[in-house]
Amino acid sequence: MKRNVNGVIPFGWRRGNKFDIKTFMGLSIEDIKAFAMKCLSGSHGSHDWEHTQRVYNLCMHIGQVEGADMEVLKIAAYLHDVGRPYQDESKGAICHGEKGAEIADALLERYPISDEKRANIIHCITSHRFRGNCRPETLEAKVLFDADKLDSIGAIGIGRTFLFAGEVGAKLHNPAIDPEDTEPYTEADTGYREFKLKLSKIRDRMLTGEGRRMARERHVFMERFFERFLQEHEGYM
């Protein structure tokens, strides 16, 4: 099946860097890693290459505990956010999970892997979003989902949520507005809004035993932080 290369090229490369798909004939996992790094080279700090590295490390830990296919998991972890810059530029109109799966599908035509494993990698990427419409079904998809969510909670999650709020121009806090009545990618898209609408619910959405174990401690830390945050914001501490 012929593909439109212009529709799946890395976001950073379409901004002036020439893309030649032939460069990636006979890929190794290290090539895939380099490809993902290039895709994310111009990403916002909240979803940059460092986030992908942390998710990869979490996948390696959880995957080994749970008995996952580590080759599938390594590739899926590296590629899970390659569509993120498209979502950010479109202010949420493009789903980065779906876009990333499209990019990965074209790339993996050049990687020596079975059709079953390739399909699993695409499923992992498509289903890793918290707000996505596709539920993780394979063990590897569940591990990637949990690893990605773990990086959204705890101390690192707090840092990332305020970083993202700054990226979209949000205020520090919006006490006069119910988070349920706000919109993403606006000045109301605060760190506390993200906590109420997403981060506070992640612990109960984990899909693996090890993921659930790790999420419990991070959740407690995060709850205590935001309790104090609200108190200090009102000048009570």
C-alpha atoms as a PDB file:
ATOM      1  CA  MET A   1       0.000   0.000   0.000  1.00  0.00           C
ATOM      2  CA  LYS A   2       1.407   3.364  -1.013  1.00  0.00           C
ATOM      3  CA  ARG A   3       1.583   6.066   1.617  1.00  0.00           C
ATOM      4  CA  ASN A   4       1.706   9.818   1.467  1.00  0.00           C
ATOM      5  CA  VAL A   5       5.033  10.501   3.140  1.00  0.00           C
ATOM      6  CA  ASN A   6       4.183  14.188   3.595  1.00  0.00           C
ATOM      7  CA  GLY A   7       1.335  13.188   5.865  1.00  0.00           C
ATOM      8  CA  VAL A   8       3.482  11.305   8.336  1.00  0.00           C
ATOM      9  CA  ILE A   9       6.854  13.078   8.468  1.00  0.00           C
ATOM     10  CA  PRO A  10       8.188  14.136  11.887  1.00  0.00           C
ATOM     11  CA  PHE A  11       6.831  17.501  12.977  1.00  0.00           C
ATOM     12  CA  GLY A  12      10.253  19.088  13.428  1.00  0.00           C
ATOM     13  CA  TRP A  13      11.445  17.939  10.028  1.00  0.00           C
ATOM     14  CA  ARG A  14       8.589  19.468   8.098  1.00  0.00           C
ATOM     15  CA  ARG A  15       9.826  22.861   9.281  1.00  0.00           C
ATOM     16  CA  GLY A  16      12.696  23.021   6.854  1.00  0.00           C
ATOM     17  CA  ASN A  17      14.556  19.749   7.347  1.00  0.00           C
ATOM     18  CA  LYS A  18      14.475  17.484   4.325  1.00  0.00           C
ATOM     19  CA  PHE A  19      12.901  14.118   5.024  1.00  0.00           C
ATOM     20  CA  ASP A  20      13.968  11.027   3.085  1.00  0.00           C
ATOM     21  CA  ILE A  21      12.123   7.876   4.145  1.00  0.00           C
ATOM     22  CA  LYS A  22      14.796   5.781   2.404  1.00  0.00           C
ATOM     23  CA  THR A  23      17.195   6.851   5.143  1.00  0.00           C
ATOM     24  CA  PHE A  24      15.325   4.523   7.472  1.00  0.00           C
ATOM     25  CA  MET A  25      15.512   1.318   5.440  1.00  0.00           C
ATOM     26  CA  GLY A  26      16.605  -1.504   7.765  1.00  0.00           C
ATOM     27  CA  LEU A  27      15.876   0.230  11.055  1.00  0.00           C
ATOM     28  CA  SER A  28      17.235  -0.765  14.446  1.00  0.00           C
ATOM     29  CA  ILE A  29      15.712   0.209  17.791  1.00  0.00           C
ATOM     30  CA  GLU A  30      18.461   2.818  18.137  1.00  0.00           C
ATOM     31  CA  ASP A  31      17.346   4.293  14.795  1.00  0.00           C
ATOM     32  CA  ILE A  32      13.777   4.439  16.100  1.00  0.00           C
ATOM     33  CA  LYS A  33      15.020   6.181  19.231  1.00  0.00           C
ATOM     34  CA  ALA A  34      16.875   8.750  17.120  1.00  0.00           C
ATOM     35  CA  PHE A  35      13.771   9.230  14.971  1.00  0.00           C
ATOM     36  CA  ALA A  36      11.630   9.924  18.046  1.00  0.00           C
ATOM     37  CA  MET A  37      14.205  12.358  19.438  1.00  0.00           C
ATOM     38  CA  LYS A  38      14.102  14.264  16.156  1.00  0.00           C
ATOM     39  CA  CYS A  39      10.306  14.344  16.137  1.00  0.00           C
ATOM     40  CA  LEU A  40      10.294  15.859  19.618  1.00  0.00           C
ATOM     41  CA  SER A  41      13.225  18.228  19.129  1.00  0.00           C
ATOM     42  CA  GLY A  42      10.968  21.279  19.034  1.00  0.00           C
ATOM     43  CA  SER A  43       8.361  20.077  21.518  1.00  0.00           C
ATOM     44  CA  HIS A  44       7.106  21.979  24.533  1.00  0.00           C
ATOM     45  CA  GLY A  45       8.847  21.097  27.777  1.00  0.00           C
ATOM     46  CA  SER A  46       5.858  19.319  29.294  1.00  0.00           C
ATOM     47  CA  HIS A  47       5.904  16.665  26.564  1.00  0.00           C
ATOM     48  CA  ASP A  48       9.507  16.692  25.411  1.00  0.00           C
ATOM     49  CA  TRP A  49      12.103  13.977  24.903  1.00  0.00           C
ATOM     50  CA  GLU A  50      12.823  13.868  28.646  1.00  0.00           C
ATOM     51  CA  HIS A  51       9.197  12.848  29.240  1.00  0.00           C
ATOM     52  CA  THR A  52       9.597  10.061  26.684  1.00  0.00           C
ATOM     53  CA  GLN A  53      12.786   8.880  28.394  1.00  0.00           C
ATOM     54  CA  ARG A  54      11.005   8.708  31.758  1.00  0.00           C
ATOM     55  CA  VAL A  55       8.098   6.795  30.225  1.00  0.00           C
ATOM     56  CA  TYR A  56      10.585   4.423  28.591  1.00  0.00           C
ATOM     57  CA  ASN A  57      12.302   3.783  31.940  1.00  0.00           C
ATOM     58  CA  LEU A  58       8.966   3.186  33.655  1.00  0.00           C
ATOM     59  CA  CYS A  59       7.962   0.805  30.853  1.00  0.00           C
ATOM     60  CA  MET A  60      11.172  -1.150  31.301  1.00  0.00           C
ATOM     61  CA  HIS A  61      10.478  -1.560  35.017  1.00  0.00           C
ATOM     62  CA  ILE A  62       6.758  -2.324  34.845  1.00  0.00           C
ATOM     63  CA  GLY A  63       7.134  -4.458  31.735  1.00  0.00           C
ATOM     64  CA  GLN A  64       9.700  -6.730  33.372  1.00  0.00           C
ATOM     65  CA  VAL A  65       7.574  -7.117  36.507  1.00  0.00           C
ATOM     66  CA  GLU A  66       4.454  -7.900  34.482  1.00  0.00           C
ATOM     67  CA  GLY A  67       6.137 -10.155  31.893  1.00  0.00           C
ATOM     68  CA  ALA A  68       5.524  -7.994  28.811  1.00  0.00           C
ATOM     69  CA  ASP A  69       7.116  -8.297  25.360  1.00  0.00           C
ATOM     70  CA  MET A  70      10.023  -5.924  25.866  1.00  0.00           C
ATOM     71  CA  GLU A  71      10.794  -5.390  22.177  1.00  0.00           C
ATOM     72  CA  VAL A  72       7.247  -4.210  21.522  1.00  0.00           C
ATOM     73  CA  LEU A  73       7.323  -2.087  24.648  1.00  0.00           C
ATOM     74  CA  LYS A  74      10.653  -0.413  23.868  1.00  0.00           C
ATOM     75  CA  ILE A  75       9.511   0.697  20.422  1.00  0.00           C
ATOM     76  CA  ALA A  76       6.067   1.787  21.609  1.00  0.00           C
ATOM     77  CA  ALA A  77       7.585   3.804  24.466  1.00  0.00           C
ATOM     78  CA  TYR A  78       9.981   5.638  22.154  1.00  0.00           C
ATOM     79  CA  LEU A  79       7.260   6.448  19.618  1.00  0.00           C
ATOM     80  CA  HIS A  80       4.257   7.043  21.876  1.00  0.00           C
ATOM     81  CA  ASP A  81       4.417  10.858  21.727  1.00  0.00           C
ATOM     82  CA  VAL A  82       5.767  11.517  18.222  1.00  0.00           C
ATOM     83  CA  GLY A  83       2.378  12.974  17.280  1.00  0.00           C
ATOM     84  CA  ARG A  84       2.278  15.334  20.251  1.00  0.00           C
ATOM     85  CA  PRO A  85       3.589  18.449  18.434  1.00  0.00           C
ATOM     86  CA  TYR A  86       0.678  18.165  15.991  1.00  0.00           C
ATOM     87  CA  GLN A  87      -1.809  18.143  18.866  1.00  0.00           C
ATOM     88  CA  ASP A  88      -0.171  21.139  20.523  1.00  0.00           C
ATOM     89  CA  GLU A  89      -0.094  23.160  17.311  1.00  0.00           C
ATOM     90  CA  SER A  90      -3.761  22.367  16.657  1.00  0.00           C
ATOM     91  CA  LYS A  91      -4.681  23.190  20.302  1.00  0.00           C
ATOM     92  CA  GLY A  92      -6.126  19.754  20.798  1.00  0.00           C
ATOM     93  CA  ALA A  93      -7.954  19.352  17.483  1.00  0.00           C
ATOM     94  CA  ILE A  94      -5.571  16.548  16.435  1.00  0.00           C
ATOM     95  CA  CYS A  95      -5.268  13.469  18.668  1.00  0.00           C
ATOM     96  CA  HIS A  96      -1.588  12.822  19.222  1.00  0.00           C
ATOM     97  CA  GLY A  97      -2.217   9.130  19.873  1.00  0.00           C
ATOM     98  CA  GLU A  98      -3.861   8.652  16.485  1.00  0.00           C
ATOM     99  CA  LYS A  99      -1.314  10.849  14.704  1.00  0.00           C
ATOM    100  CA  GLY A 100       1.562   9.094  16.410  1.00  0.00           C
ATOM    101  CA  ALA A 101       0.170   5.704  15.388  1.00  0.00           C
ATOM    102  CA  GLU A 102       0.000   6.906  11.789  1.00  0.00           C
ATOM    103  CA  ILE A 103       3.623   8.037  11.881  1.00  0.00           C
ATOM    104  CA  ALA A 104       4.772   4.834  13.590  1.00  0.00           C
ATOM    105  CA  ASP A 105       2.881   2.620  11.149  1.00  0.00           C
ATOM    106  CA  ALA A 106       4.735   4.114   8.204  1.00  0.00           C
ATOM    107  CA  LEU A 107       8.087   4.013   9.991  1.00  0.00           C
ATOM    108  CA  LEU A 108       7.760   0.373  11.062  1.00  0.00           C
ATOM    109  CA  GLU A 109       7.461  -0.758   7.465  1.00  0.00           C
ATOM    110  CA  ARG A 110      11.255  -0.440   7.584  1.00  0.00           C
ATOM    111  CA  TYR A 111      11.712  -2.409  10.832  1.00  0.00           C
ATOM    112  CA  PRO A 112      12.073  -6.232  10.813  1.00  0.00           C
ATOM    113  CA  ILE A 113       9.176  -7.307  13.034  1.00  0.00           C
ATOM    114  CA  SER A 114       6.184  -9.610  12.731  1.00  0.00           C
ATOM    115  CA  ASP A 115       2.819  -8.213  11.677  1.00  0.00           C
ATOM    116  CA  GLU A 116       1.385  -9.202  15.048  1.00  0.00           C
ATOM    117  CA  LYS A 117       4.016  -7.287  17.003  1.00  0.00           C
ATOM    118  CA  ARG A 118       3.763  -4.312  14.690  1.00  0.00           C
ATOM    119  CA  ALA A 119       0.002  -4.200  15.173  1.00  0.00           C
ATOM    120  CA  ASN A 120       0.547  -4.362  18.932  1.00  0.00           C
ATOM    121  CA  ILE A 121       2.931  -1.381  18.817  1.00  0.00           C
ATOM    122  CA  ILE A 122       0.398   0.652  16.843  1.00  0.00           C
ATOM    123  CA  HIS A 123      -2.312  -0.319  19.328  1.00  0.00           C
ATOM    124  CA  CYS A 124      -0.075   0.714  22.246  1.00  0.00           C
ATOM    125  CA  ILE A 125       0.436   4.172  20.755  1.00  0.00           C
ATOM    126  CA  THR A 126      -3.202   4.649  19.764  1.00  0.00           C
ATOM    127  CA  SER A 127      -4.524   3.656  23.185  1.00  0.00           C
ATOM    128  CA  HIS A 128      -2.059   5.347  25.556  1.00  0.00           C
ATOM    129  CA  ARG A 129      -4.027   8.576  26.037  1.00  0.00           C
ATOM    130  CA  PHE A 130      -5.980   9.154  29.265  1.00  0.00           C
ATOM    131  CA  ARG A 131      -8.660  11.002  27.308  1.00  0.00           C
ATOM    132  CA  GLY A 132      -8.478   8.760  24.273  1.00  0.00           C
ATOM    133  CA  ASN A 133     -11.307   6.716  22.783  1.00  0.00           C
ATOM    134  CA  CYS A 134      -9.322   3.492  22.429  1.00  0.00           C
ATOM    135  CA  ARG A 135      -8.907   1.281  25.497  1.00  0.00           C
ATOM    136  CA  PRO A 136      -5.610  -0.609  25.970  1.00  0.00           C
ATOM    137  CA  GLU A 137      -6.242  -4.307  25.360  1.00  0.00           C
ATOM    138  CA  THR A 138      -2.811  -5.963  25.239  1.00  0.00           C
ATOM    139  CA  LEU A 139      -0.461  -6.264  28.196  1.00  0.00           C
ATOM    140  CA  GLU A 140       2.081  -4.028  26.461  1.00  0.00           C
ATOM    141  CA  ALA A 141      -0.556  -1.346  25.822  1.00  0.00           C
ATOM    142  CA  LYS A 142      -1.566  -1.480  29.487  1.00  0.00           C
ATOM    143  CA  VAL A 143       2.055  -1.105  30.593  1.00  0.00           C
ATOM    144  CA  LEU A 144       2.597   1.906  28.322  1.00  0.00           C
ATOM    145  CA  PHE A 145      -0.660   3.473  29.504  1.00  0.00           C
ATOM    146  CA  ASP A 146       0.385   3.082  33.143  1.00  0.00           C
ATOM    147  CA  ALA A 147       3.922   4.366  32.551  1.00  0.00           C
ATOM    148  CA  ASP A 148       2.660   7.445  30.731  1.00  0.00           C
ATOM    149  CA  LYS A 149       0.149   8.160  33.502  1.00  0.00           C
ATOM    150  CA  LEU A 150       2.695   7.673  36.276  1.00  0.00           C
ATOM    151  CA  ASP A 151       4.735  10.485  34.739  1.00  0.00           C
ATOM    152  CA  SER A 152       1.637  12.687  35.066  1.00  0.00           C
ATOM    153  CA  ILE A 153       1.284  12.332  38.839  1.00  0.00           C
ATOM    154  CA  GLY A 154       3.452  12.666  41.911  1.00  0.00           C
ATOM    155  CA  ALA A 155       6.182  15.289  42.120  1.00  0.00           C
ATOM    156  CA  ILE A 156       7.109  15.078  38.444  1.00  0.00           C
ATOM    157  CA  GLY A 157       3.455  15.269  37.455  1.00  0.00           C
ATOM    158  CA  ILE A 158       2.955  18.438  39.476  1.00  0.00           C
ATOM    159  CA  GLY A 159       5.947  20.026  37.804  1.00  0.00           C
ATOM    160  CA  ARG A 160       4.728  19.043  34.358  1.00  0.00           C
ATOM    161  CA  THR A 161       1.177  20.261  34.877  1.00  0.00           C
ATOM    162  CA  PHE A 162       2.339  23.751  35.867  1.00  0.00           C
ATOM    163  CA  LEU A 163       4.828  23.723  33.014  1.00  0.00           C
ATOM    164  CA  PHE A 164       2.005  22.927  30.574  1.00  0.00           C
ATOM    165  CA  ALA A 165      -0.171  25.649  32.103  1.00  0.00           C
ATOM    166  CA  GLY A 166       2.595  28.141  31.418  1.00  0.00           C
ATOM    167  CA  GLU A 167       2.943  26.892  27.854  1.00  0.00           C
ATOM    168  CA  VAL A 168      -0.715  27.652  27.090  1.00  0.00           C
ATOM    169  CA  GLY A 169      -0.699  30.976  28.955  1.00  0.00           C
ATOM    170  CA  ALA A 170      -2.822  29.873  31.892  1.00  0.00           C
ATOM    171  CA  LYS A 171      -3.026  31.665  35.227  1.00  0.00           C
ATOM    172  CA  LEU A 172      -1.481  30.245  38.380  1.00  0.00           C
ATOM    173  CA  HIS A 173      -4.947  29.518  39.766  1.00  0.00           C
ATOM    174  CA  ASN A 174      -8.574  30.317  38.925  1.00  0.00           C
ATOM    175  CA  PRO A 175     -10.505  29.988  42.209  1.00  0.00           C
ATOM    176  CA  ALA A 176     -13.617  31.770  40.930  1.00  0.00           C
ATOM    177  CA  ILE A 177     -14.217  29.226  38.149  1.00  0.00           C
ATOM    178  CA  ASP A 178     -15.224  25.591  38.582  1.00  0.00           C
ATOM    179  CA  PRO A 179     -12.670  23.456  36.695  1.00  0.00           C
ATOM    180  CA  GLU A 180     -15.594  21.642  35.060  1.00  0.00           C
ATOM    181  CA  ASP A 181     -16.615  24.912  33.389  1.00  0.00           C
ATOM    182  CA  THR A 182     -13.241  25.623  31.777  1.00  0.00           C
ATOM    183  CA  GLU A 183     -11.706  24.794  28.416  1.00  0.00           C
ATOM    184  CA  PRO A 184      -8.265  23.344  27.606  1.00  0.00           C
ATOM    185  CA  TYR A 185      -5.578  25.457  25.937  1.00  0.00           C
ATOM    186  CA  THR A 186      -6.952  28.667  27.512  1.00  0.00           C
ATOM    187  CA  GLU A 187      -5.868  30.889  30.415  1.00  0.00           C
ATOM    188  CA  ALA A 188      -8.189  28.768  32.571  1.00  0.00           C
ATOM    189  CA  ASP A 189      -6.175  25.609  31.829  1.00  0.00           C
ATOM    190  CA  THR A 190      -4.371  25.797  35.158  1.00  0.00           C
ATOM    191  CA  GLY A 191      -2.367  23.216  37.048  1.00  0.00           C
ATOM    192  CA  TYR A 192      -5.186  22.827  39.558  1.00  0.00           C
ATOM    193  CA  ARG A 193      -7.693  22.329  36.724  1.00  0.00           C
ATOM    194  CA  GLU A 194      -5.565  19.485  35.377  1.00  0.00           C
ATOM    195  CA  PHE A 195      -5.353  17.971  38.844  1.00  0.00           C
ATOM    196  CA  LYS A 196      -9.122  18.031  39.348  1.00  0.00           C
ATOM    197  CA  LEU A 197     -10.103  16.831  35.884  1.00  0.00           C
ATOM    198  CA  LYS A 198      -7.345  14.290  35.243  1.00  0.00           C
ATOM    199  CA  LEU A 199      -4.525  13.759  37.721  1.00  0.00           C
ATOM    200  CA  SER A 200      -6.775  13.011  40.710  1.00  0.00           C
ATOM    201  CA  LYS A 201      -8.423  10.193  38.720  1.00  0.00           C
ATOM    202  CA  ILE A 202      -5.318   8.468  37.420  1.00  0.00           C
ATOM    203  CA  ARG A 203      -4.703   6.228  40.445  1.00  0.00           C
ATOM    204  CA  ASP A 204      -8.015   4.466  39.874  1.00  0.00           C
ATOM    205  CA  ARG A 205      -7.434   4.060  36.143  1.00  0.00           C
ATOM    206  CA  MET A 206      -4.183   2.090  36.349  1.00  0.00           C
ATOM    207  CA  LEU A 207      -4.241  -1.226  34.521  1.00  0.00           C
ATOM    208  CA  THR A 208      -1.337  -3.285  35.895  1.00  0.00           C
ATOM    209  CA  GLY A 209      -0.549  -4.462  39.394  1.00  0.00           C
ATOM    210  CA  GLU A 210       2.833  -2.736  39.497  1.00  0.00           C
ATOM    211  CA  GLY A 211       1.370   0.429  38.022  1.00  0.00           C
ATOM    212  CA  ARG A 212      -1.298   0.522  40.724  1.00  0.00           C
ATOM    213  CA  ARG A 213       1.309   0.006  43.430  1.00  0.00           C
ATOM    214  CA  MET A 214       3.443   2.880  42.172  1.00  0.00           C
ATOM    215  CA  ALA A 215       0.476   5.176  41.626  1.00  0.00           C
ATOM    216  CA  ARG A 216      -0.792   4.938  45.204  1.00  0.00           C
ATOM    217  CA  GLU A 217       2.231   6.678  46.726  1.00  0.00           C
ATOM    218  CA  ARG A 218       2.405   9.326  44.015  1.00  0.00           C
ATOM    219  CA  HIS A 219      -1.287  10.050  44.423  1.00  0.00           C
ATOM    220  CA  VAL A 220      -0.969  10.678  48.170  1.00  0.00           C
ATOM    221  CA  PHE A 221       1.938  13.078  47.640  1.00  0.00           C
ATOM    222  CA  MET A 222       0.027  14.964  44.960  1.00  0.00           C
ATOM    223  CA  GLU A 223      -3.130  15.312  47.052  1.00  0.00           C
ATOM    224  CA  ARG A 224      -1.141  16.755  49.951  1.00  0.00           C
ATOM    225  CA  PHE A 225       0.578  19.202  47.632  1.00  0.00           C
ATOM    226  CA  PHE A 226      -2.639  20.586  46.174  1.00  0.00           C
ATOM    227  CA  GLU A 227      -4.269  20.820  49.600  1.00  0.00           C
ATOM    228  CA  ARG A 228      -1.397  23.034  50.705  1.00  0.00           C
ATOM    229  CA  PHE A 229      -1.366  24.879  47.394  1.00  0.00           C
ATOM    230  CA  LEU A 230      -4.972  25.987  47.895  1.00  0.00           C
ATOM    231  CA  GLN A 231      -4.281  27.061  51.459  1.00  0.00           C
ATOM    232  CA  GLU A 232      -1.217  29.085  50.513  1.00  0.00           C
ATOM    233  CA  HIS A 233      -3.010  30.654  47.573  1.00  0.00           C
ATOM    234  CA  GLU A 234      -5.562  32.046  50.020  1.00  0.00           C
ATOM    235  CA  GLY A 235      -2.828  33.154  52.441  1.00  0.00           C
ATOM    236  CA  TYR A 236      -3.748  30.670  55.155  1.00  0.00           C
ATOM    237  CA  MET A 237      -0.285  29.183  55.686  1.00  0.00           C
END
